[in-house]
Amino acid sequence: MKILIVSEMSVPYAVGGGEVRCGLLARELVRRGHDVTWLSMRQRQSPDEEIIDGVRHLHRGLRLADPMSRPLFAMLRFMLTAFWHVLTHRYTIVDCQPYAPLPAVWLACVLSRQKMAATIHDTSNRPPAASPAQAGQAGGGDDQWLSSRDRFIVGPIETLLYRLPYRRIVTDTHGVRQTLARSFGVSDRRMVTVHCGIDTDAIASAPEAAEQADVLFAGRVIPHKHVDDFLDAIAMVGAARRARGLAPIRAAVVGGGPLLDEMQARAEGLGLVPGGVAGAEPPAATVEFCGNLPDHAAVIGRMKSAGVLVLPSTREGFGLVLAEAMACGTPCVAYDVPAVREVLADGEAGVLVAPRDVDGLARTIDRLLNDAAERERLIVAGRRQVAEYFAADRFAEGMVAVYAS
């Protein structure tokens, strides 16, 4: 097949979950003999065209210095570019990712009579809570990536995007699929769920980092990831352990984002930053802010050297970092939201905590740090979950079946 993947950003210039997913998919498709082109925006120092792992990358539109900052004019320019490219080229299937390219690529596919799949990784709507008790804890409004004001404006547009008559809609989890059906009125018959895959070979070959952390957060420092809850929990764990006469703990935050400075200031206020007053008692817990690491292998290396990975996010479309951590043999703790629940096998492959329950998060981290048998059980269950559901072969074959249908 001749396949076109369209997304706003692409690896190696952006390494969010969506970009990493598309990168693995493109490589696996090429390995199976398919002709793959990936169309994305110009990013940092990207050339207009390059070949990476056999995938032809086309970078078009205005150049973006920061993947997190995408001006409206740049998005409109890319929409027009994507529309024209699809209109003037022939593909077996066009796989378009949210958000800006979706309407333009759909219209171009209609006019040129080409097959299209829309891959929806997540929505701006808060997913349904697991229980009524969690409904008030799960966050929402300004907690999510859209503020209440922006949701009022963007919400109707998002609904329109999801309701366009795509040939097929692909979701990464059943949780996102259910949200599309319940909150946006998308027919379930048009949707198919294909779990993300991870590159277990690359993870196995990545060297373990020399720097170690008892507890690790890896991801963007943005509102719904709740690094604030992570820091508060670390401070609580440190205090509890000191009261029991145990050694201080080391935590690390891997990743950057718009809230990084605010979170560093919060850590200082919580006494989590070493090097305070001379002669003072050392902190019961410290946190290292690593920022964005040079490549994905470095992130994997930090996961391998960590005791526990924590994802206190109140909104996830999949939670790729959890699957990667399980493949690394690192036990996971995460807030109980639908997609995460699915990835962690309803708590069998990782520990689930009610969203925004910082006390519960701290107690869980503390328990795992002190219970080697529980950590080992989670490691075994996590690796089994990855092998059964998130293998790259299973992922690629699932997507090929969608493209061929």
Protein backbone atom coordinates (compact mmCIF):
# COMPACT_ATOMS: atom_id res chain seq x y z
CA MET A 1 0.00 0.00 0.00
CA LYS A 2 0.97 3.60 -0.55
CA ILE A 3 0.20 5.31 2.77
CA LEU A 4 0.16 8.97 3.82
CA ILE A 5 0.28 9.91 7.50
CA VAL A 6 -0.66 13.53 8.26
CA SER A 7 -0.01 15.16 11.63
CA GLU A 8 0.87 18.59 12.95
CA MET A 9 4.21 17.47 14.45
CA SER A 10 6.55 14.53 13.89
CA VAL A 11 9.51 12.72 15.40
CA PRO A 12 12.34 13.35 16.03
CA TYR A 13 11.43 17.03 16.45
CA ALA A 14 8.50 16.34 18.78
CA VAL A 15 8.34 13.29 21.05
CA GLY A 16 4.86 13.36 22.53
CA GLY A 17 2.86 10.16 22.69
CA GLY A 18 1.10 10.82 19.38
CA GLU A 19 4.33 11.49 17.52
CA VAL A 20 6.10 8.45 19.02
CA ARG A 21 3.09 6.29 18.09
CA CYS A 22 3.13 7.50 14.47
CA GLY A 23 6.89 7.05 14.25
CA LEU A 24 6.67 3.41 15.31
CA LEU A 25 3.72 2.79 12.99
CA ALA A 26 5.52 4.31 10.00
CA ARG A 27 8.67 2.22 10.61
CA GLU A 28 6.66 -0.98 11.03
CA LEU A 29 4.70 -0.30 7.84
CA VAL A 30 7.92 0.23 5.87
CA ARG A 31 9.34 -2.98 7.35
CA ARG A 32 6.31 -4.78 5.93
CA GLY A 33 6.98 -3.43 2.45
CA HIS A 34 4.57 -0.49 2.37
CA ASP A 35 5.43 2.92 0.87
CA VAL A 36 4.98 5.50 3.65
CA THR A 37 5.02 9.30 3.47
CA TRP A 38 4.60 11.44 6.59
CA LEU A 39 3.42 15.04 6.09
CA SER A 40 3.88 17.44 9.02
CA MET A 41 4.66 21.07 9.79
CA ARG A 42 8.16 22.55 9.54
CA GLN A 43 9.74 22.11 12.96
CA ARG A 44 12.93 23.55 14.43
CA GLN A 45 15.75 22.61 12.04
CA SER A 46 13.81 20.11 9.93
CA PRO A 47 14.61 20.14 6.20
CA ASP A 48 11.76 20.32 3.71
CA GLU A 49 12.22 16.63 2.92
CA GLU A 50 14.15 13.76 4.50
CA ILE A 51 14.18 9.98 4.76
CA ILE A 52 14.15 8.53 8.29
CA ASP A 53 14.02 4.74 8.78
CA GLY A 54 12.76 4.36 5.23
CA VAL A 55 9.89 6.83 5.79
CA ARG A 56 9.68 9.84 3.48
CA HIS A 57 9.11 12.93 5.65
CA LEU A 58 7.67 16.09 4.11
CA HIS A 59 7.80 19.23 6.28
CA ARG A 60 5.59 22.05 5.01
CA GLY A 61 4.17 25.40 6.10
CA LEU A 62 5.64 27.92 8.51
CA ARG A 63 8.56 26.81 10.68
CA LEU A 64 7.79 26.32 14.39
CA ALA A 65 10.54 26.86 16.95
CA ASP A 66 8.48 25.39 19.79
CA PRO A 67 6.18 22.38 19.25
CA MET A 68 4.01 23.59 22.15
CA SER A 69 3.36 26.94 20.45
CA ARG A 70 1.37 26.75 17.21
CA PRO A 71 0.09 30.15 16.03
CA LEU A 72 -3.30 30.21 14.31
CA PHE A 73 -1.85 31.47 11.03
CA ALA A 74 0.68 28.60 10.99
CA MET A 75 -2.12 26.09 11.54
CA LEU A 76 -4.22 27.59 8.73
CA ARG A 77 -1.21 27.55 6.41
CA PHE A 78 -0.60 23.87 7.16
CA MET A 79 -4.28 23.05 6.58
CA LEU A 80 -4.07 24.56 3.08
CA THR A 81 -0.78 22.78 2.40
CA ALA A 82 -2.19 19.42 3.50
CA PHE A 83 -5.34 19.99 1.42
CA TRP A 84 -3.33 20.71 -1.73
CA HIS A 85 -0.92 17.80 -1.20
CA VAL A 86 -3.72 15.25 -0.81
CA LEU A 87 -5.63 16.73 -3.73
CA THR A 88 -2.64 16.45 -6.07
CA HIS A 89 -1.23 13.05 -5.00
CA ARG A 90 -2.65 9.53 -4.98
CA TYR A 91 -2.48 7.20 -1.97
CA THR A 92 -4.06 3.89 -1.05
CA ILE A 93 -5.05 5.36 2.32
CA VAL A 94 -4.59 8.69 4.13
CA ASP A 95 -4.29 8.43 7.94
CA CYS A 96 -4.87 11.90 9.43
CA GLN A 97 -4.24 12.87 13.06
CA PRO A 98 -6.00 15.70 14.96
CA TYR A 99 -6.63 18.51 14.94
CA ALA A 100 -5.94 21.20 12.35
CA PRO A 101 -5.43 18.93 9.32
CA LEU A 102 -8.64 16.90 9.77
CA PRO A 103 -11.22 19.02 7.90
CA ALA A 104 -8.82 19.98 5.10
CA VAL A 105 -7.61 16.43 4.53
CA TRP A 106 -11.16 15.05 4.69
CA LEU A 107 -12.36 17.52 2.05
CA ALA A 108 -9.35 16.78 -0.18
CA CYS A 109 -10.02 13.03 0.11
CA VAL A 110 -13.68 13.55 -0.81
CA LEU A 111 -12.80 15.66 -3.85
CA SER A 112 -10.04 13.29 -5.00
CA ARG A 113 -12.01 10.14 -4.08
CA GLN A 114 -9.33 8.71 -1.80
CA LYS A 115 -9.76 6.56 1.31
CA MET A 116 -9.15 8.24 4.66
CA ALA A 117 -8.94 7.14 8.29
CA ALA A 118 -9.11 9.70 11.11
CA THR A 119 -7.07 8.68 14.15
CA ILE A 120 -8.46 10.37 17.28
CA HIS A 121 -6.07 10.06 20.21
CA ASP A 122 -8.06 12.06 22.74
CA THR A 123 -10.82 14.64 23.16
CA SER A 124 -11.13 17.89 25.08
CA ASN A 125 -14.08 16.46 27.03
CA ARG A 126 -13.38 15.08 30.47
CA PRO A 127 -13.91 11.30 30.32
CA PRO A 128 -16.59 9.78 32.55
CA ALA A 129 -15.43 9.08 36.11
CA ALA A 130 -15.07 5.50 37.28
CA SER A 131 -17.45 6.21 40.17
CA PRO A 132 -19.64 9.08 41.46
CA ALA A 133 -17.06 9.70 44.18
CA GLN A 134 -14.41 10.34 41.55
CA ALA A 135 -16.60 12.70 39.54
CA GLY A 136 -15.81 15.55 41.89
CA GLN A 137 -12.11 14.71 42.03
CA ALA A 138 -11.29 14.18 38.38
CA GLY A 139 -10.68 17.81 37.60
CA GLY A 140 -12.14 19.63 34.65
CA GLY A 141 -12.66 23.10 33.31
CA ASP A 142 -9.32 24.86 33.49
CA ASP A 143 -7.74 21.59 34.69
CA GLN A 144 -7.74 20.29 31.13
CA TRP A 145 -5.83 21.41 28.05
CA LEU A 146 -8.73 23.68 27.05
CA SER A 147 -9.91 26.35 29.49
CA SER A 148 -13.64 26.75 30.15
CA ARG A 149 -13.67 29.81 27.88
CA ASP A 150 -11.82 28.05 25.06
CA ARG A 151 -14.01 24.97 25.36
CA PHE A 152 -17.09 27.17 24.81
CA ILE A 153 -15.54 28.33 21.53
CA VAL A 154 -13.77 25.17 20.41
CA GLY A 155 -16.31 22.61 21.64
CA PRO A 156 -18.76 22.99 18.72
CA ILE A 157 -15.86 22.94 16.23
CA GLU A 158 -14.46 19.78 17.82
CA THR A 159 -17.89 18.12 17.64
CA LEU A 160 -18.15 19.02 13.96
CA LEU A 161 -14.67 17.58 13.30
CA TYR A 162 -15.53 14.25 14.90
CA ARG A 163 -18.85 13.99 13.09
CA LEU A 164 -17.44 14.43 9.60
CA PRO A 165 -18.22 11.25 7.61
CA TYR A 166 -14.75 9.71 7.69
CA ARG A 167 -14.47 6.25 6.19
CA ARG A 168 -13.12 5.02 9.53
CA ILE A 169 -12.21 6.51 12.93
CA VAL A 170 -9.38 4.84 14.85
CA THR A 171 -9.04 5.27 18.63
CA ASP A 172 -6.12 4.17 20.81
CA THR A 173 -8.37 2.93 23.62
CA HIS A 174 -11.96 1.87 24.17
CA GLY A 175 -12.23 4.75 26.66
CA VAL A 176 -11.74 7.37 23.94
CA ARG A 177 -14.11 5.45 21.68
CA GLN A 178 -16.80 5.54 24.37
CA THR A 179 -16.27 9.28 24.91
CA LEU A 180 -16.67 9.94 21.19
CA ALA A 181 -19.92 7.99 21.17
CA ARG A 182 -21.38 9.40 24.40
CA SER A 183 -20.20 13.00 24.32
CA PHE A 184 -19.94 13.71 20.59
CA GLY A 185 -22.59 11.45 19.09
CA VAL A 186 -20.18 9.52 16.86
CA SER A 187 -21.63 6.21 15.66
CA ASP A 188 -19.79 3.27 17.19
CA ARG A 189 -20.11 1.41 13.87
CA ARG A 190 -17.68 3.90 12.30
CA MET A 191 -15.02 3.37 14.95
CA VAL A 192 -12.37 0.75 15.60
CA THR A 193 -9.92 0.56 18.52
CA VAL A 194 -6.27 -0.34 17.90
CA HIS A 195 -4.07 -0.15 20.98
CA CYS A 196 -0.80 1.73 20.58
CA GLY A 197 2.33 -0.34 20.29
CA ILE A 198 5.78 0.29 21.70
CA ASP A 199 9.21 -0.55 20.35
CA THR A 200 10.27 -3.18 22.85
CA ASP A 201 13.54 -3.86 20.99
CA ALA A 202 14.58 -0.20 21.26
CA ILE A 203 13.55 -0.14 24.91
CA ALA A 204 15.56 -3.29 25.65
CA SER A 205 18.67 -1.86 23.97
CA ALA A 206 18.51 1.57 25.64
CA PRO A 207 21.16 1.81 28.39
CA GLU A 208 20.03 2.40 31.95
CA ALA A 209 20.78 5.95 33.09
CA ALA A 210 23.52 6.49 35.64
CA GLU A 211 21.27 8.96 37.46
CA GLN A 212 18.78 7.16 39.67
CA ALA A 213 15.47 8.22 41.18
CA ASP A 214 13.23 6.41 43.62
CA VAL A 215 10.18 8.02 42.00
CA LEU A 216 9.91 9.40 38.45
CA PHE A 217 7.47 11.54 36.50
CA ALA A 218 7.98 11.60 32.71
CA GLY A 219 5.83 13.79 30.49
CA ARG A 220 4.92 17.32 29.58
CA VAL A 221 4.64 19.79 32.45
CA ILE A 222 1.11 20.96 31.62
CA PRO A 223 -2.04 21.41 33.73
CA HIS A 224 -3.78 18.05 33.37
CA LYS A 225 -0.59 16.05 34.04
CA HIS A 226 -0.65 17.44 37.61
CA VAL A 227 3.03 17.65 38.43
CA ASP A 228 1.77 19.70 41.39
CA ASP A 229 0.14 16.58 42.83
CA PHE A 230 3.35 14.63 42.17
CA LEU A 231 5.43 17.16 44.12
CA ASP A 232 2.96 17.36 47.00
CA ALA A 233 2.91 13.56 47.24
CA ILE A 234 6.71 13.36 47.21
CA ALA A 235 6.91 15.85 50.08
CA MET A 236 4.37 13.79 52.05
CA VAL A 237 6.24 10.53 51.39
CA GLY A 238 9.52 12.09 52.48
CA ALA A 239 8.01 13.37 55.73
CA ALA A 240 6.39 10.00 56.49
CA ARG A 241 9.62 8.12 55.86
CA ARG A 242 11.66 10.52 58.01
CA ALA A 243 9.19 10.02 60.86
CA ARG A 244 9.90 6.28 60.61
CA GLY A 245 13.65 6.83 60.56
CA LEU A 246 14.05 5.89 56.88
CA ALA A 247 16.46 7.40 54.35
CA PRO A 248 15.46 10.41 52.20
CA ILE A 249 13.99 9.70 48.77
CA ARG A 250 15.01 11.09 45.40
CA ALA A 251 12.44 12.05 42.79
CA ALA A 252 12.84 13.35 39.24
CA VAL A 253 10.68 15.17 36.71
CA VAL A 254 11.63 14.41 33.10
CA GLY A 255 10.07 16.76 30.57
CA GLY A 256 9.42 20.42 29.95
CA GLY A 257 6.40 22.59 29.39
CA PRO A 258 4.73 25.90 30.19
CA LEU A 259 4.37 25.14 33.91
CA LEU A 260 7.99 24.12 34.47
CA ASP A 261 9.07 27.34 36.24
CA GLU A 262 5.94 27.28 38.40
CA MET A 263 6.57 23.67 39.41
CA GLN A 264 10.21 24.39 40.23
CA ALA A 265 9.06 27.22 42.49
CA ARG A 266 6.52 24.88 44.10
CA ALA A 267 9.25 22.32 44.78
CA GLU A 268 11.34 25.01 46.46
CA GLY A 269 8.40 26.01 48.62
CA LEU A 270 7.91 22.39 49.65
CA GLY A 271 11.57 22.07 50.66
CA LEU A 272 12.33 19.56 47.90
CA VAL A 273 15.33 21.41 46.50
CA PRO A 274 18.73 20.49 48.02
CA GLY A 275 21.29 23.10 48.98
CA GLY A 276 19.28 25.13 51.46
CA VAL A 277 20.56 26.79 54.63
CA ALA A 278 24.08 25.71 55.57
CA GLY A 279 24.07 23.28 58.47
CA ALA A 280 20.35 22.61 58.17
CA GLU A 281 19.01 19.07 58.16
CA PRO A 282 19.00 17.67 54.59
CA PRO A 283 15.54 17.41 53.00
CA ALA A 284 13.53 14.23 53.57
CA ALA A 285 12.87 14.19 49.82
CA THR A 286 14.49 15.93 46.87
CA VAL A 287 13.36 16.42 43.29
CA GLU A 288 15.50 16.89 40.19
CA PHE A 289 14.02 18.75 37.21
CA CYS A 290 15.66 17.25 34.13
CA GLY A 291 13.83 19.22 31.42
CA ASN A 292 13.57 17.77 27.93
CA LEU A 293 16.19 15.06 27.42
CA PRO A 294 18.13 14.88 24.12
CA ASP A 295 16.33 11.83 22.75
CA HIS A 296 13.77 9.18 23.57
CA ALA A 297 16.43 6.63 24.51
CA ALA A 298 17.55 8.96 27.31
CA VAL A 299 13.99 9.08 28.66
CA ILE A 300 13.82 5.28 28.57
CA GLY A 301 17.16 5.16 30.40
CA ARG A 302 15.72 7.27 33.23
CA MET A 303 12.68 4.98 33.41
CA LYS A 304 14.93 1.94 33.72
CA SER A 305 16.86 3.46 36.62
CA ALA A 306 13.73 4.55 38.52
CA GLY A 307 12.09 2.64 41.34
CA VAL A 308 8.51 3.70 40.54
CA LEU A 309 6.93 5.73 37.72
CA VAL A 310 4.02 8.00 38.65
CA LEU A 311 1.49 9.48 36.20
CA PRO A 312 -0.94 11.75 38.11
CA SER A 313 -2.78 12.81 34.96
CA THR A 314 -6.51 13.46 34.93
CA ARG A 315 -6.82 13.11 31.16
CA GLU A 316 -5.12 10.60 28.89
CA GLY A 317 -5.97 9.18 25.49
CA PHE A 318 -3.67 6.22 26.12
CA GLY A 319 -0.75 6.91 28.44
CA LEU A 320 2.15 5.65 26.33
CA VAL A 321 4.63 6.37 29.12
CA LEU A 322 2.93 3.67 31.22
CA ALA A 323 3.39 1.01 28.54
CA GLU A 324 7.03 2.07 28.13
CA ALA A 325 7.64 1.93 31.88
CA MET A 326 6.09 -1.54 32.09
CA ALA A 327 8.40 -2.68 29.28
CA CYS A 328 11.33 -1.24 31.26
CA GLY A 329 10.34 -3.27 34.32
CA THR A 330 9.37 -0.18 36.31
CA PRO A 331 6.21 -0.41 38.47
CA CYS A 332 3.55 2.22 37.70
CA VAL A 333 1.18 4.32 39.81
CA ALA A 334 -1.43 6.45 38.03
CA TYR A 335 -4.70 8.24 38.48
CA ASP A 336 -7.72 6.09 37.65
CA VAL A 337 -9.06 7.53 34.38
CA PRO A 338 -10.56 5.32 31.63
CA ALA A 339 -7.65 5.06 29.19
CA VAL A 340 -5.11 4.53 31.98
CA ARG A 341 -7.34 1.89 33.55
CA GLU A 342 -7.32 0.07 30.23
CA VAL A 343 -3.53 0.25 29.83
CA LEU A 344 -2.93 -0.95 33.39
CA ALA A 345 -5.42 -3.84 33.08
CA ASP A 346 -7.86 -2.44 35.66
CA GLY A 347 -5.09 -2.17 38.23
CA GLU A 348 -3.54 -5.60 37.69
CA ALA A 349 -0.44 -4.23 35.92
CA GLY A 350 -0.15 -1.01 37.93
CA VAL A 351 -1.69 0.70 40.94
CA LEU A 352 -4.66 3.02 40.33
CA VAL A 353 -5.45 5.94 42.63
CA ALA A 354 -8.58 8.10 42.62
CA PRO A 355 -7.89 11.30 40.60
CA ARG A 356 -6.62 14.25 42.69
CA ASP A 357 -6.38 12.08 45.83
CA VAL A 358 -2.90 13.27 46.78
CA ASP A 359 -3.03 11.56 50.18
CA GLY A 360 -3.84 8.26 48.47
CA LEU A 361 -1.11 8.86 45.90
CA ALA A 362 1.46 9.47 48.65
CA ARG A 363 0.38 6.37 50.59
CA THR A 364 0.63 4.23 47.46
CA ILE A 365 4.12 5.49 46.57
CA ASP A 366 5.29 4.98 50.15
CA ARG A 367 3.87 1.44 50.22
CA LEU A 368 5.53 0.45 46.94
CA LEU A 369 8.91 1.82 47.97
CA ASN A 370 8.76 -0.42 51.04
CA ASP A 371 7.27 -3.55 49.45
CA ALA A 372 9.72 -5.34 47.15
CA ALA A 373 7.33 -8.26 46.64
CA GLU A 374 4.56 -5.97 45.39
CA ARG A 375 6.98 -4.19 43.06
CA GLU A 376 8.09 -7.54 41.63
CA ARG A 377 4.48 -8.63 41.11
CA LEU A 378 3.76 -5.42 39.19
CA ILE A 379 6.90 -5.83 37.09
CA VAL A 380 5.87 -9.34 36.01
CA ALA A 381 2.26 -8.29 35.34
CA GLY A 382 3.38 -5.18 33.44
CA ARG A 383 5.69 -7.07 31.11
CA ARG A 384 2.94 -9.61 30.47
CA GLN A 385 0.49 -6.80 29.64
CA VAL A 386 2.95 -5.25 27.17
CA ALA A 387 3.67 -8.57 25.46
CA GLU A 388 -0.02 -9.41 25.12
CA TYR A 389 -1.49 -6.06 24.08
CA PHE A 390 1.15 -3.48 23.12
CA ALA A 391 3.65 -5.35 20.93
CA ALA A 392 4.68 -3.45 17.79
CA ASP A 393 3.64 -6.34 15.51
CA ARG A 394 0.13 -6.45 16.95
CA PHE A 395 -0.20 -2.67 16.59
CA ALA A 396 1.02 -2.55 12.99
CA GLU A 397 -1.07 -5.52 11.90
CA GLY A 398 -4.14 -3.94 13.46
CA MET A 399 -3.59 -0.71 11.54
CA VAL A 400 -2.92 -2.55 8.26
CA ALA A 401 -6.26 -4.34 8.72
CA VAL A 402 -7.98 -0.96 9.19
CA TYR A 403 -6.32 0.46 6.07
CA ALA A 404 -7.33 -2.56 4.01
CA SER A 405 -10.96 -2.57 5.17
